[in-house]
Amino acid sequence: MPPNFPLPKTSDNTLPEIIALCQKIVPGQKALYLEIEPVEGSIVNECYGNVDKATQKSGGTVQYGWQIWETMPDVMAEAEFHAVWKDVDGNLHDVTPKEIPGITKILFLPDPTRSYSGRQIDNIRIALKDDPLVHDFIKNAESYFEMTNRGELADYHGELVATPEMKKLMRQNAEKFLAIVQKYY
């Protein structure tokens, strides 16, 4: 990351844009803060396996939903599909450690309508700044996800060999990202 770029942060659940995002994803559902409470043997960013470990050890079930980040603070937010542990009393726990330093809690939007079946689920991105550059970055990110998850790639796990088309989108997004950083940070 460029030196002036602030790290992603947990989103503020009182921001009108975040409230609107949550209502778009799961109408009538409210996002809540969950402290990060890794279980023994938890792996960074591997929520599905970590929740499975928690349920095997202590019972309970999985709760699917979305963790909401300001991946570019004050510029862009993303809802990332996520799993947390629902204990036997119905309390939710994020048992997955994060790679971002200083993150101690997440904003989590439960989604009772979706589940994880082994296929990647694209993030849902919104601009917090009404800027064509940010909108183009989001459009490119969505195009890249679609391109890397079509056909047989939808079930592929592991390192991906980028096609020239994929490399072009990656390069364009890197250029847009740097332009956003220069403009806002």
Protein backbone atom coordinates (compact mmCIF):
# COMPACT_ATOMS: atom_id res chain seq x y z
CA MET A 1 0.00 0.00 0.00
CA PRO A 2 1.19 3.53 -0.62
CA PRO A 3 2.59 5.18 2.53
CA ASN A 4 -0.19 7.79 2.82
CA PHE A 5 -3.01 5.30 2.46
CA PRO A 6 -4.93 4.66 5.68
CA LEU A 7 -5.71 1.05 6.46
CA PRO A 8 -9.24 -0.24 5.93
CA LYS A 9 -11.46 0.27 8.95
CA THR A 10 -14.65 -1.08 10.44
CA SER A 11 -17.55 0.91 9.05
CA ASP A 12 -19.73 3.24 11.10
CA ASN A 13 -23.26 1.82 11.31
CA THR A 14 -24.75 5.34 11.64
CA LEU A 15 -23.54 6.60 8.23
CA PRO A 16 -26.54 7.09 5.91
CA GLU A 17 -24.67 5.35 3.06
CA ILE A 18 -23.96 2.31 5.25
CA ILE A 19 -27.55 2.14 6.48
CA ALA A 20 -28.74 2.30 2.84
CA LEU A 21 -26.25 -0.40 1.83
CA CYS A 22 -27.50 -2.71 4.58
CA GLN A 23 -31.14 -2.13 3.59
CA LYS A 24 -30.29 -2.87 -0.04
CA ILE A 25 -28.61 -6.17 0.90
CA VAL A 26 -31.03 -7.41 3.59
CA PRO A 27 -34.13 -5.21 3.91
CA GLY A 28 -35.27 -4.81 7.50
CA GLN A 29 -32.05 -6.19 8.99
CA LYS A 30 -29.69 -4.04 11.06
CA ALA A 31 -25.93 -4.34 11.18
CA LEU A 32 -24.33 -4.89 14.56
CA TYR A 33 -20.84 -4.73 15.96
CA LEU A 34 -19.12 -7.98 16.92
CA GLU A 35 -15.87 -8.21 18.82
CA ILE A 36 -13.29 -10.49 17.22
CA GLU A 37 -12.89 -13.57 19.40
CA PRO A 38 -10.66 -16.10 17.62
CA VAL A 39 -10.99 -19.73 18.66
CA GLU A 40 -7.93 -21.91 19.14
CA GLY A 41 -6.46 -22.79 15.78
CA SER A 42 -8.28 -20.01 13.91
CA ILE A 43 -6.75 -19.01 10.58
CA VAL A 44 -6.69 -15.38 9.44
CA ASN A 45 -9.54 -14.59 7.03
CA GLU A 46 -10.77 -18.22 6.86
CA CYS A 47 -14.20 -17.67 8.39
CA TYR A 48 -15.93 -20.80 7.09
CA GLY A 49 -13.35 -23.19 8.54
CA ASN A 50 -13.03 -21.18 11.76
CA VAL A 51 -16.78 -21.26 12.37
CA ASP A 52 -16.79 -24.99 11.65
CA LYS A 53 -14.10 -25.46 14.35
CA ALA A 54 -16.15 -23.42 16.84
CA THR A 55 -19.34 -25.40 16.21
CA GLN A 56 -17.50 -28.73 16.49
CA LYS A 57 -15.91 -27.67 19.78
CA SER A 58 -18.81 -25.86 21.44
CA GLY A 59 -21.99 -26.55 19.49
CA GLY A 60 -24.08 -23.85 17.92
CA THR A 61 -24.38 -23.05 14.23
CA VAL A 62 -23.07 -20.82 11.48
CA GLN A 63 -24.62 -17.42 10.78
CA TYR A 64 -23.93 -16.08 7.31
CA GLY A 65 -23.94 -12.41 6.52
CA TRP A 66 -21.74 -9.50 5.52
CA GLN A 67 -18.86 -7.78 7.26
CA ILE A 68 -18.81 -4.16 6.24
CA TRP A 69 -15.56 -2.27 5.81
CA GLU A 70 -14.47 1.11 4.66
CA THR A 71 -11.78 -0.37 2.47
CA MET A 72 -10.86 3.14 1.38
CA PRO A 73 -11.81 5.13 4.50
CA ASP A 74 -14.29 7.93 3.77
CA VAL A 75 -14.11 7.09 0.02
CA MET A 76 -15.45 3.54 -0.54
CA ALA A 77 -17.09 0.82 1.54
CA GLU A 78 -17.52 -2.88 0.88
CA ALA A 79 -19.78 -5.57 2.23
CA GLU A 80 -17.86 -8.85 2.22
CA PHE A 81 -19.70 -12.16 2.59
CA HIS A 82 -18.75 -13.65 5.94
CA ALA A 83 -19.60 -16.35 8.47
CA VAL A 84 -19.74 -15.99 12.24
CA TRP A 85 -20.44 -18.47 15.00
CA LYS A 86 -23.88 -18.50 16.63
CA ASP A 87 -23.46 -20.12 20.06
CA VAL A 88 -26.05 -22.40 21.67
CA ASP A 89 -27.64 -19.35 23.36
CA GLY A 90 -28.03 -17.55 20.02
CA ASN A 91 -25.20 -15.03 20.57
CA LEU A 92 -23.04 -14.14 17.58
CA HIS A 93 -19.22 -14.25 17.69
CA ASP A 94 -16.68 -13.39 15.01
CA VAL A 95 -14.10 -16.14 15.52
CA THR A 96 -11.93 -15.13 12.56
CA PRO A 97 -8.78 -13.05 13.12
CA LYS A 98 -8.12 -10.28 10.62
CA GLU A 99 -4.87 -9.46 8.85
CA ILE A 100 -5.49 -5.71 9.23
CA PRO A 101 -3.65 -4.43 12.33
CA GLY A 102 -5.78 -2.84 15.03
CA ILE A 103 -9.12 -4.35 13.97
CA THR A 104 -10.85 -5.55 17.14
CA LYS A 105 -14.46 -5.57 15.95
CA ILE A 106 -16.45 -5.82 12.76
CA LEU A 107 -19.74 -4.42 11.56
CA PHE A 108 -21.80 -7.50 10.68
CA LEU A 109 -25.07 -7.69 8.78
CA PRO A 110 -26.77 -11.08 9.29
CA ASP A 111 -28.24 -12.46 6.07
CA PRO A 112 -30.71 -15.29 6.62
CA THR A 113 -31.29 -15.65 2.86
CA ARG A 114 -27.77 -16.62 1.74
CA SER A 115 -25.32 -19.39 2.49
CA TYR A 116 -21.87 -20.43 1.35
CA SER A 117 -21.64 -23.39 -1.03
CA GLY A 118 -17.95 -23.24 -1.95
CA ARG A 119 -18.31 -20.59 -4.67
CA GLN A 120 -16.89 -17.12 -4.30
CA ILE A 121 -19.40 -14.36 -3.56
CA ASP A 122 -18.48 -10.91 -4.80
CA ASN A 123 -18.23 -8.00 -2.40
CA ILE A 124 -20.86 -5.31 -2.67
CA ARG A 125 -19.12 -1.97 -3.06
CA ILE A 126 -20.43 1.56 -2.66
CA ALA A 127 -18.85 4.95 -3.17
CA LEU A 128 -18.78 7.19 -0.11
CA LYS A 129 -17.53 9.99 -2.38
CA ASP A 130 -19.63 10.70 -5.45
CA ASP A 131 -16.63 10.69 -7.75
CA PRO A 132 -16.44 9.15 -11.27
CA LEU A 133 -13.00 7.79 -10.39
CA VAL A 134 -14.42 5.84 -7.44
CA HIS A 135 -17.39 4.63 -9.50
CA ASP A 136 -15.01 3.45 -12.25
CA PHE A 137 -12.87 1.62 -9.69
CA ILE A 138 -15.98 -0.18 -8.38
CA LYS A 139 -17.13 -1.07 -11.91
CA ASN A 140 -13.69 -2.50 -12.74
CA ALA A 141 -13.60 -4.52 -9.51
CA GLU A 142 -17.00 -6.01 -10.33
CA SER A 143 -15.89 -6.80 -13.88
CA TYR A 144 -12.73 -8.49 -12.60
CA PHE A 145 -14.73 -10.64 -10.18
CA GLU A 146 -17.15 -11.65 -12.91
CA MET A 147 -14.29 -12.50 -15.27
CA THR A 148 -12.41 -14.60 -12.70
CA ASN A 149 -15.53 -16.51 -11.62
CA ARG A 150 -17.25 -17.40 -14.89
CA GLY A 151 -17.70 -20.94 -16.13
CA GLU A 152 -15.34 -23.50 -14.58
CA LEU A 153 -13.58 -20.74 -12.64
CA ALA A 154 -16.65 -20.42 -10.39
CA ASP A 155 -15.58 -23.57 -8.55
CA TYR A 156 -11.83 -23.04 -8.81
CA HIS A 157 -9.76 -22.56 -5.65
CA GLY A 158 -6.08 -21.77 -5.66
CA GLU A 159 -3.74 -19.50 -7.56
CA LEU A 160 -5.21 -18.24 -10.79
CA VAL A 161 -3.18 -17.78 -13.96
CA ALA A 162 -4.29 -14.39 -15.26
CA THR A 163 -5.31 -14.04 -18.88
CA PRO A 164 -4.31 -10.90 -20.82
CA GLU A 165 -7.85 -9.57 -20.28
CA MET A 166 -7.57 -10.14 -16.51
CA LYS A 167 -4.16 -8.47 -16.43
CA LYS A 168 -5.60 -5.46 -18.26
CA LEU A 169 -8.39 -5.05 -15.68
CA MET A 170 -5.92 -5.51 -12.80
CA ARG A 171 -3.66 -2.83 -14.29
CA GLN A 172 -6.61 -0.46 -14.79
CA ASN A 173 -7.77 -0.96 -11.22
CA ALA A 174 -4.26 -0.40 -9.87
CA GLU A 175 -4.08 2.86 -11.82
CA LYS A 176 -7.50 3.97 -10.53
CA PHE A 177 -6.55 2.97 -6.98
CA LEU A 178 -3.37 5.07 -7.13
CA ALA A 179 -5.33 8.02 -8.56
CA ILE A 180 -7.82 7.74 -5.68
CA VAL A 181 -4.98 7.60 -3.15
CA GLN A 182 -3.33 10.66 -4.68
CA LYS A 183 -6.62 12.57 -4.73
CA TYR A 184 -7.91 11.74 -1.23
CA TYR A 185 -4.94 10.74 0.90
